[in-house]
C-alpha cells in the first residue's frame, strides 16, 4: 500500500468513515469510465485536458462537506499514486 493510501485510510478511521477498496479490475473500469466522461483525449496527466470546466477550491477556507453536492450515497476518491491503478 502506498503512503497516500495509508494516509487516506488513517484519515477515514479518525473521521469514522467507511472505505471500500475496489479490486484492480473494478478500479480500472471506474477510472476508465471517468476518463471517458471527463477527460479529452489521452493527456499525460488527466487534469491537463478536462472535458468540462473545473472549479478550484481553497481547502484552508472551505471544508469538503461544503463543496460536495450531498453527503449521502457513494463518493469515489481516486488518489494519484505511483505504480498502478488507484483503488480507493
PDB file of N, CA and C in Angstrom:
ATOM      1  N   UNK A   1       0.856  -1.175   0.000  1.00  0.00           N
ATOM      2  CA  UNK A   1       0.000   0.000   0.000  1.00  0.00           C
ATOM      3  C   UNK A   1       0.900   1.235   0.000  1.00  0.00           C
ATOM      4  N   UNK A   2       0.548   2.215  -0.840  1.00  0.00           N
ATOM      5  CA  UNK A   2       1.352   3.425  -0.943  1.00  0.00           C
ATOM      6  C   UNK A   2       1.156   4.324   0.275  1.00  0.00           C
ATOM      7  N   UNK A   3       2.052   5.294   0.436  1.00  0.00           N
ATOM      8  CA  UNK A   3       1.943   6.250   1.542  1.00  0.00           C
ATOM      9  C   UNK A   3       0.636   7.040   1.458  1.00  0.00           C
ATOM     10  N   UNK A   4       0.234   7.396   0.246  1.00  0.00           N
ATOM     11  CA  UNK A   4      -1.018   8.140   0.058  1.00  0.00           C
ATOM     12  C   UNK A   4      -2.203   7.301   0.542  1.00  0.00           C
ATOM     13  N   UNK A   5      -2.224   6.031   0.167  1.00  0.00           N
ATOM     14  CA  UNK A   5      -3.320   5.153   0.590  1.00  0.00           C
ATOM     15  C   UNK A   5      -3.348   4.975   2.107  1.00  0.00           C
ATOM     16  N   UNK A   6      -2.186   4.853   2.714  1.00  0.00           N
ATOM     17  CA  UNK A   6      -2.113   4.723   4.172  1.00  0.00           C
ATOM     18  C   UNK A   6      -2.670   5.970   4.843  1.00  0.00           C
ATOM     19  N   UNK A   7      -2.285   7.143   4.339  1.00  0.00           N
ATOM     20  CA  UNK A   7      -2.769   8.398   4.931  1.00  0.00           C
ATOM     21  C   UNK A   7      -4.282   8.548   4.769  1.00  0.00           C
ATOM     22  N   UNK A   8      -4.820   8.143   3.624  1.00  0.00           N
ATOM     23  CA  UNK A   8      -6.270   8.208   3.411  1.00  0.00           C
ATOM     24  C   UNK A   8      -6.983   7.261   4.375  1.00  0.00           C
ATOM     25  N   UNK A   9      -6.449   6.065   4.511  1.00  0.00           N
ATOM     26  CA  UNK A   9      -7.055   5.087   5.420  1.00  0.00           C
ATOM     27  C   UNK A   9      -7.029   5.581   6.867  1.00  0.00           C
ATOM     28  N   UNK A  10      -5.912   6.159   7.293  1.00  0.00           N
ATOM     29  CA  UNK A  10      -5.809   6.704   8.652  1.00  0.00           C
ATOM     30  C   UNK A  10      -6.805   7.840   8.866  1.00  0.00           C
ATOM     31  N   UNK A  11      -6.945   8.708   7.879  1.00  0.00           N
ATOM     32  CA  UNK A  11      -7.899   9.826   7.990  1.00  0.00           C
ATOM     33  C   UNK A  11      -9.328   9.306   8.083  1.00  0.00           C
ATOM     34  N   UNK A  12      -9.657   8.300   7.294  1.00  0.00           N
ATOM     35  CA  UNK A  12     -11.001   7.729   7.332  1.00  0.00           C
ATOM     36  C   UNK A  12     -11.299   7.135   8.702  1.00  0.00           C
ATOM     37  N   UNK A  13     -10.335   6.460   9.277  1.00  0.00           N
ATOM     38  CA  UNK A  13     -10.520   5.875  10.610  1.00  0.00           C
ATOM     39  C   UNK A  13     -10.754   6.976  11.634  1.00  0.00           C
ATOM     40  N   UNK A  14      -9.922   8.036  11.586  1.00  0.00           N
ATOM     41  CA  UNK A  14     -10.084   9.151  12.528  1.00  0.00           C
ATOM     42  C   UNK A  14     -11.449   9.818  12.391  1.00  0.00           C
ATOM     43  N   UNK A  15     -11.962   9.895  11.149  1.00  0.00           N
ATOM     44  CA  UNK A  15     -13.236  10.567  10.904  1.00  0.00           C
ATOM     45  C   UNK A  15     -14.434   9.635  11.003  1.00  0.00           C
ATOM     46  N   UNK A  16     -14.172   8.359  11.209  1.00  0.00           N
ATOM     47  CA  UNK A  16     -15.261   7.392  11.316  1.00  0.00           C
ATOM     48  C   UNK A  16     -15.945   7.113   9.993  1.00  0.00           C
ATOM     49  N   UNK A  17     -15.201   7.228   8.895  1.00  0.00           N
ATOM     50  CA  UNK A  17     -15.763   6.988   7.566  1.00  0.00           C
ATOM     51  C   UNK A  17     -15.469   5.564   7.124  1.00  0.00           C
ATOM     52  N   UNK A  18     -16.377   5.000   6.378  1.00  0.00           N
ATOM     53  CA  UNK A  18     -16.203   3.650   5.857  1.00  0.00           C
ATOM     54  C   UNK A  18     -15.606   3.721   4.463  1.00  0.00           C
ATOM     55  N   UNK A  19     -14.531   2.983   4.232  1.00  0.00           N
ATOM     56  CA  UNK A  19     -13.905   2.912   2.917  1.00  0.00           C
ATOM     57  C   UNK A  19     -14.161   1.553   2.302  1.00  0.00           C
ATOM     58  N   UNK A  20     -14.383   1.552   1.018  1.00  0.00           N
ATOM     59  CA  UNK A  20     -14.464   0.300   0.275  1.00  0.00           C
ATOM     60  C   UNK A  20     -13.356   0.335  -0.761  1.00  0.00           C
ATOM     61  N   UNK A  21     -12.404  -0.548  -0.633  1.00  0.00           N
ATOM     62  CA  UNK A  21     -11.287  -0.607  -1.570  1.00  0.00           C
ATOM     63  C   UNK A  21     -11.713  -1.481  -2.748  1.00  0.00           C
ATOM     64  N   UNK A  22     -11.640  -0.928  -3.946  1.00  0.00           N
ATOM     65  CA  UNK A  22     -12.032  -1.667  -5.143  1.00  0.00           C
ATOM     66  C   UNK A  22     -10.921  -2.605  -5.587  1.00  0.00           C
ATOM     67  N   UNK A  23     -11.297  -3.715  -6.173  1.00  0.00           N
ATOM     68  CA  UNK A  23     -10.322  -4.613  -6.765  1.00  0.00           C
ATOM     69  C   UNK A  23      -9.723  -3.976  -8.003  1.00  0.00           C
ATOM     70  N   UNK A  24      -8.604  -4.499  -8.466  1.00  0.00           N
ATOM     71  CA  UNK A  24      -7.890  -3.902  -9.606  1.00  0.00           C
ATOM     72  C   UNK A  24      -8.749  -3.803 -10.859  1.00  0.00           C
ATOM     73  N   UNK A  25      -9.514  -4.843 -11.173  1.00  0.00           N
ATOM     74  CA  UNK A  25     -10.329  -4.844 -12.394  1.00  0.00           C
ATOM     75  C   UNK A  25     -11.432  -3.795 -12.289  1.00  0.00           C
ATOM     76  N   UNK A  26     -12.132  -3.767 -11.169  1.00  0.00           N
ATOM     77  CA  UNK A  26     -13.208  -2.794 -10.970  1.00  0.00           C
ATOM     78  C   UNK A  26     -12.658  -1.371 -10.943  1.00  0.00           C
ATOM     79  N   UNK A  27     -11.528  -1.168 -10.265  1.00  0.00           N
ATOM     80  CA  UNK A  27     -10.918   0.163 -10.198  1.00  0.00           C
ATOM     81  C   UNK A  27     -10.542   0.654 -11.589  1.00  0.00           C
ATOM     82  N   UNK A  28      -9.938  -0.211 -12.395  1.00  0.00           N
ATOM     83  CA  UNK A  28      -9.554   0.176 -13.753  1.00  0.00           C
ATOM     84  C   UNK A  28     -10.784   0.537 -14.577  1.00  0.00           C
ATOM     85  N   UNK A  29     -11.880  -0.196 -14.387  1.00  0.00           N
ATOM     86  CA  UNK A  29     -13.120   0.081 -15.113  1.00  0.00           C
ATOM     87  C   UNK A  29     -13.690   1.450 -14.711  1.00  0.00           C
ATOM     88  N   UNK A  30     -13.735   1.722 -13.416  1.00  0.00           N
ATOM     89  CA  UNK A  30     -14.260   3.008 -12.926  1.00  0.00           C
ATOM     90  C   UNK A  30     -13.403   4.157 -13.434  1.00  0.00           C
ATOM     91  N   UNK A  31     -12.087   4.039 -13.310  1.00  0.00           N
ATOM     92  CA  UNK A  31     -11.180   5.094 -13.779  1.00  0.00           C
ATOM     93  C   UNK A  31     -11.346   5.301 -15.280  1.00  0.00           C
ATOM     94  N   UNK A  32     -11.464   4.219 -16.036  1.00  0.00           N
ATOM     95  CA  UNK A  32     -11.663   4.323 -17.484  1.00  0.00           C
ATOM     96  C   UNK A  32     -12.949   5.050 -17.841  1.00  0.00           C
ATOM     97  N   UNK A  33     -14.035   4.727 -17.132  1.00  0.00           N
ATOM     98  CA  UNK A  33     -15.314   5.393 -17.389  1.00  0.00           C
ATOM     99  C   UNK A  33     -15.254   6.878 -17.039  1.00  0.00           C
ATOM    100  N   UNK A  34     -14.581   7.196 -15.947  1.00  0.00           N
ATOM    101  CA  UNK A  34     -14.448   8.605 -15.564  1.00  0.00           C
ATOM    102  C   UNK A  34     -13.598   9.374 -16.563  1.00  0.00           C
ATOM    103  N   UNK A  35     -12.520   8.760 -17.043  1.00  0.00           N
ATOM    104  CA  UNK A  35     -11.680   9.417 -18.054  1.00  0.00           C
ATOM    105  C   UNK A  35     -12.475   9.661 -19.329  1.00  0.00           C
ATOM    106  N   UNK A  36     -13.291   8.680 -19.754  1.00  0.00           N
ATOM    107  CA  UNK A  36     -14.113   8.852 -20.962  1.00  0.00           C
ATOM    108  C   UNK A  36     -15.066  10.023 -20.812  1.00  0.00           C
ATOM    109  N   UNK A  37     -15.615  10.193 -19.631  1.00  0.00           N
ATOM    110  CA  UNK A  37     -16.621  11.231 -19.409  1.00  0.00           C
ATOM    111  C   UNK A  37     -16.010  12.613 -19.186  1.00  0.00           C
ATOM    112  N   UNK A  38     -14.886  12.679 -18.478  1.00  0.00           N
ATOM    113  CA  UNK A  38     -14.378  13.970 -18.032  1.00  0.00           C
ATOM    114  C   UNK A  38     -13.062  14.425 -18.654  1.00  0.00           C
ATOM    115  N   UNK A  39     -12.396  13.567 -19.436  1.00  0.00           N
ATOM    116  CA  UNK A  39     -11.085  13.925 -19.997  1.00  0.00           C
ATOM    117  C   UNK A  39     -11.122  13.786 -21.513  1.00  0.00           C
ATOM    118  N   UNK A  40     -10.597  14.796 -22.208  1.00  0.00           N
ATOM    119  CA  UNK A  40     -10.496  14.731 -23.665  1.00  0.00           C
ATOM    120  C   UNK A  40      -9.174  14.069 -24.045  1.00  0.00           C
ATOM    121  N   UNK A  41      -9.237  13.167 -24.986  1.00  0.00           N
ATOM    122  CA  UNK A  41      -8.014  12.538 -25.487  1.00  0.00           C
ATOM    123  C   UNK A  41      -7.310  11.703 -24.434  1.00  0.00           C
ATOM    124  N   UNK A  42      -5.988  11.666 -24.537  1.00  0.00           N
ATOM    125  CA  UNK A  42      -5.188  10.877 -23.611  1.00  0.00           C
ATOM    126  C   UNK A  42      -3.976  11.696 -23.149  1.00  0.00           C
ATOM    127  N   UNK A  43      -4.221  12.784 -22.396  1.00  0.00           N
ATOM    128  CA  UNK A  43      -3.096  13.608 -21.946  1.00  0.00           C
ATOM    129  C   UNK A  43      -2.234  12.833 -20.944  1.00  0.00           C
ATOM    130  N   UNK A  44      -0.984  13.271 -20.769  1.00  0.00           N
ATOM    131  CA  UNK A  44      -0.095  12.564 -19.833  1.00  0.00           C
ATOM    132  C   UNK A  44      -0.597  12.655 -18.395  1.00  0.00           C
ATOM    133  N   UNK A  45      -1.334  13.686 -18.073  1.00  0.00           N
ATOM    134  CA  UNK A  45      -1.984  13.829 -16.772  1.00  0.00           C
ATOM    135  C   UNK A  45      -3.434  14.219 -17.039  1.00  0.00           C
ATOM    136  N   UNK A  46      -4.383  13.567 -16.411  1.00  0.00           N
ATOM    137  CA  UNK A  46      -5.808  13.758 -16.711  1.00  0.00           C
ATOM    138  C   UNK A  46      -6.261  15.203 -16.591  1.00  0.00           C
ATOM    139  N   UNK A  47      -5.680  15.960 -15.673  1.00  0.00           N
ATOM    140  CA  UNK A  47      -6.141  17.334 -15.448  1.00  0.00           C
ATOM    141  C   UNK A  47      -5.673  18.318 -16.519  1.00  0.00           C
ATOM    142  N   UNK A  48      -4.847  17.872 -17.445  1.00  0.00           N
ATOM    143  CA  UNK A  48      -4.349  18.766 -18.490  1.00  0.00           C
ATOM    144  C   UNK A  48      -5.358  19.019 -19.606  1.00  0.00           C
ATOM    145  N   UNK A  49      -6.381  18.181 -19.734  1.00  0.00           N
ATOM    146  CA  UNK A  49      -7.370  18.375 -20.800  1.00  0.00           C
ATOM    147  C   UNK A  49      -8.750  17.906 -20.354  1.00  0.00           C
ATOM    148  N   UNK A  50      -9.320  18.623 -19.398  1.00  0.00           N
ATOM    149  CA  UNK A  50     -10.647  18.282 -18.898  1.00  0.00           C
ATOM    150  C   UNK A  50     -11.719  18.625 -19.929  1.00  0.00           C
ATOM    151  N   UNK A  51     -12.736  17.778 -20.025  1.00  0.00           N
ATOM    152  CA  UNK A  51     -13.815  17.973 -20.990  1.00  0.00           C
ATOM    153  C   UNK A  51     -14.797  19.058 -20.537  1.00  0.00           C
ATOM    154  N   UNK A  52     -14.845  19.323 -19.250  1.00  0.00           N
ATOM    155  CA  UNK A  52     -15.737  20.351 -18.709  1.00  0.00           C
ATOM    156  C   UNK A  52     -14.923  21.287 -17.826  1.00  0.00           C
ATOM    157  N   UNK A  53     -15.351  22.536 -17.707  1.00  0.00           N
ATOM    158  CA  UNK A  53     -14.620  23.462 -16.838  1.00  0.00           C
ATOM    159  C   UNK A  53     -14.608  22.956 -15.393  1.00  0.00           C
ATOM    160  N   UNK A  54     -13.556  23.255 -14.678  1.00  0.00           N
ATOM    161  CA  UNK A  54     -13.482  22.838 -13.280  1.00  0.00           C
ATOM    162  C   UNK A  54     -13.445  24.070 -12.381  1.00  0.00           C
ATOM    163  N   UNK A  55     -13.693  23.824 -11.113  1.00  0.00           N
ATOM    164  CA  UNK A  55     -13.645  24.874 -10.114  1.00  0.00           C
ATOM    165  C   UNK A  55     -12.574  24.519  -9.108  1.00  0.00           C
ATOM    166  N   UNK A  56     -11.740  25.475  -8.759  1.00  0.00           N
ATOM    167  CA  UNK A  56     -10.693  25.261  -7.771  1.00  0.00           C
ATOM    168  C   UNK A  56     -11.178  25.771  -6.421  1.00  0.00           C
ATOM    169  N   UNK A  57     -10.978  24.956  -5.390  1.00  0.00           N
ATOM    170  CA  UNK A  57     -11.382  25.325  -4.039  1.00  0.00           C
ATOM    171  C   UNK A  57     -10.154  25.409  -3.148  1.00  0.00           C
ATOM    172  N   UNK A  58     -10.150  26.364  -2.260  1.00  0.00           N
ATOM    173  CA  UNK A  58      -9.063  26.529  -1.301  1.00  0.00           C
ATOM    174  C   UNK A  58      -9.450  25.788  -0.022  1.00  0.00           C
ATOM    175  N   UNK A  59      -8.767  24.695   0.267  1.00  0.00           N
ATOM    176  CA  UNK A  59      -9.132  23.867   1.420  1.00  0.00           C
ATOM    177  C   UNK A  59      -8.904  24.576   2.753  1.00  0.00           C
ATOM    178  N   UNK A  60      -8.158  25.668   2.754  1.00  0.00           N
ATOM    179  CA  UNK A  60      -7.988  26.408   4.010  1.00  0.00           C
ATOM    180  C   UNK A  60      -9.217  27.264   4.322  1.00  0.00           C
ATOM    181  N   UNK A  61     -10.065  27.493   3.304  1.00  0.00           N
ATOM    182  CA  UNK A  61     -11.261  28.314   3.512  1.00  0.00           C
ATOM    183  C   UNK A  61     -12.568  27.522   3.456  1.00  0.00           C
ATOM    184  N   UNK A  62     -12.531  26.326   2.868  1.00  0.00           N
ATOM    185  CA  UNK A  62     -13.746  25.532   2.701  1.00  0.00           C
ATOM    186  C   UNK A  62     -13.525  24.100   3.166  1.00  0.00           C
ATOM    187  N   UNK A  63     -14.560  23.518   3.733  1.00  0.00           N
ATOM    188  CA  UNK A  63     -14.486  22.099   4.092  1.00  0.00           C
ATOM    189  C   UNK A  63     -15.003  21.274   2.926  1.00  0.00           C
ATOM    190  N   UNK A  64     -14.591  20.035   2.862  1.00  0.00           N
ATOM    191  CA  UNK A  64     -15.039  19.145   1.786  1.00  0.00           C
ATOM    192  C   UNK A  64     -16.557  19.003   1.794  1.00  0.00           C
ATOM    193  N   UNK A  65     -17.156  18.912   2.982  1.00  0.00           N
ATOM    194  CA  UNK A  65     -18.607  18.743   3.061  1.00  0.00           C
ATOM    195  C   UNK A  65     -19.365  19.944   2.511  1.00  0.00           C
ATOM    196  N   UNK A  66     -18.756  21.131   2.495  1.00  0.00           N
ATOM    197  CA  UNK A  66     -19.438  22.302   1.939  1.00  0.00           C
ATOM    198  C   UNK A  66     -19.351  22.346   0.417  1.00  0.00           C
ATOM    199  N   UNK A  67     -18.474  21.540  -0.172  1.00  0.00           N
ATOM    200  CA  UNK A  67     -18.281  21.522  -1.617  1.00  0.00           C
ATOM    201  C   UNK A  67     -19.050  20.384  -2.274  1.00  0.00           C
ATOM    202  N   UNK A  68     -19.127  19.249  -1.593  1.00  0.00           N
ATOM    203  CA  UNK A  68     -19.833  18.099  -2.163  1.00  0.00           C
ATOM    204  C   UNK A  68     -21.316  18.402  -2.315  1.00  0.00           C
ATOM    205  N   UNK A  69     -21.935  17.919  -3.387  1.00  0.00           N
ATOM    206  CA  UNK A  69     -23.362  18.177  -3.574  1.00  0.00           C
ATOM    207  C   UNK A  69     -24.224  17.492  -2.525  1.00  0.00           C
ATOM    208  N   UNK A  70     -23.737  16.406  -1.946  1.00  0.00           N
ATOM    209  CA  UNK A  70     -24.506  15.670  -0.945  1.00  0.00           C
ATOM    210  C   UNK A  70     -23.563  14.831  -0.104  1.00  0.00           C
ATOM    211  N   UNK A  71     -23.916  14.629   1.139  1.00  0.00           N
ATOM    212  CA  UNK A  71     -23.129  13.745   1.993  1.00  0.00           C
ATOM    213  C   UNK A  71     -23.763  12.357   2.017  1.00  0.00           C
ATOM    214  N   UNK A  72     -24.765  12.143   1.194  1.00  0.00           N
ATOM    215  CA  UNK A  72     -25.455  10.854   1.090  1.00  0.00           C
ATOM    216  C   UNK A  72     -24.899  10.082  -0.092  1.00  0.00           C
ATOM    217  N   UNK A  73     -24.957   8.774  -0.020  1.00  0.00           N
ATOM    218  CA  UNK A  73     -24.551   7.952  -1.151  1.00  0.00           C
ATOM    219  C   UNK A  73     -23.050   7.748  -1.217  1.00  0.00           C
ATOM    220  N   UNK A  74     -22.606   7.185  -2.332  1.00  0.00           N
ATOM    221  CA  UNK A  74     -21.203   6.849  -2.517  1.00  0.00           C
ATOM    222  C   UNK A  74     -20.437   7.989  -3.161  1.00  0.00           C
ATOM    223  N   UNK A  75     -19.201   8.116  -2.764  1.00  0.00           N
ATOM    224  CA  UNK A  75     -18.284   9.078  -3.359  1.00  0.00           C
ATOM    225  C   UNK A  75     -17.005   8.337  -3.693  1.00  0.00           C
ATOM    226  N   UNK A  76     -16.491   8.537  -4.891  1.00  0.00           N
ATOM    227  CA  UNK A  76     -15.243   7.901  -5.283  1.00  0.00           C
ATOM    228  C   UNK A  76     -14.104   8.873  -5.055  1.00  0.00           C
ATOM    229  N   UNK A  77     -13.091   8.412  -4.342  1.00  0.00           N
ATOM    230  CA  UNK A  77     -11.862   9.159  -4.161  1.00  0.00           C
ATOM    231  C   UNK A  77     -10.799   8.402  -4.936  1.00  0.00           C
ATOM    232  N   UNK A  78     -10.214   9.062  -5.919  1.00  0.00           N
ATOM    233  CA  UNK A  78      -9.231   8.404  -6.775  1.00  0.00           C
ATOM    234  C   UNK A  78      -7.914   9.148  -6.628  1.00  0.00           C
ATOM    235  N   UNK A  79      -7.079   8.719  -5.685  1.00  0.00           N
ATOM    236  CA  UNK A  79      -5.803   9.407  -5.463  1.00  0.00           C
ATOM    237  C   UNK A  79      -4.792   9.070  -6.558  1.00  0.00           C
ATOM    238  N   UNK A  80      -3.916  10.003  -6.815  1.00  0.00           N
ATOM    239  CA  UNK A  80      -2.794   9.756  -7.726  1.00  0.00           C
ATOM    240  C   UNK A  80      -1.713   9.031  -6.925  1.00  0.00           C
ATOM    241  N   UNK A  81      -1.393   7.826  -7.346  1.00  0.00           N
ATOM    242  CA  UNK A  81      -0.338   7.061  -6.676  1.00  0.00           C
ATOM    243  C   UNK A  81       0.647   6.553  -7.710  1.00  0.00           C
ATOM    244  N   UNK A  82       1.853   6.330  -7.282  1.00  0.00           N
ATOM    245  CA  UNK A  82       2.871   5.781  -8.186  1.00  0.00           C
ATOM    246  C   UNK A  82       2.668   4.276  -8.326  1.00  0.00           C
ATOM    247  N   UNK A  83       2.797   3.806  -9.549  1.00  0.00           N
ATOM    248  CA  UNK A  83       2.810   2.363  -9.781  1.00  0.00           C
ATOM    249  C   UNK A  83       1.460   1.689  -9.666  1.00  0.00           C
ATOM    250  N   UNK A  84       0.570   1.932 -10.582  1.00  0.00           N
ATOM    251  CA  UNK A  84      -0.664   1.174 -10.619  1.00  0.00           C
ATOM    252  C   UNK A  84      -1.916   2.011 -10.557  1.00  0.00           C
ATOM    253  N   UNK A  85      -3.031   1.329 -10.722  1.00  0.00           N
ATOM    254  CA  UNK A  85      -4.339   1.977 -10.686  1.00  0.00           C
ATOM    255  C   UNK A  85      -4.750   2.201  -9.240  1.00  0.00           C
ATOM    256  N   UNK A  86      -5.163   3.408  -8.896  1.00  0.00           N
ATOM    257  CA  UNK A  86      -5.639   3.658  -7.541  1.00  0.00           C
ATOM    258  C   UNK A  86      -6.890   2.835  -7.267  1.00  0.00           C
ATOM    259  N   UNK A  87      -7.089   2.406  -6.017  1.00  0.00           N
ATOM    260  CA  UNK A  87      -8.201   1.529  -5.711  1.00  0.00           C
ATOM    261  C   UNK A  87      -9.078   2.059  -4.603  1.00  0.00           C
ATOM    262  N   UNK A  88      -8.964   3.314  -4.198  1.00  0.00           N
ATOM    263  CA  UNK A  88      -9.818   3.854  -3.151  1.00  0.00           C
ATOM    264  C   UNK A  88     -10.934   4.664  -3.760  1.00  0.00           C
TER     265      UNK A  88
END
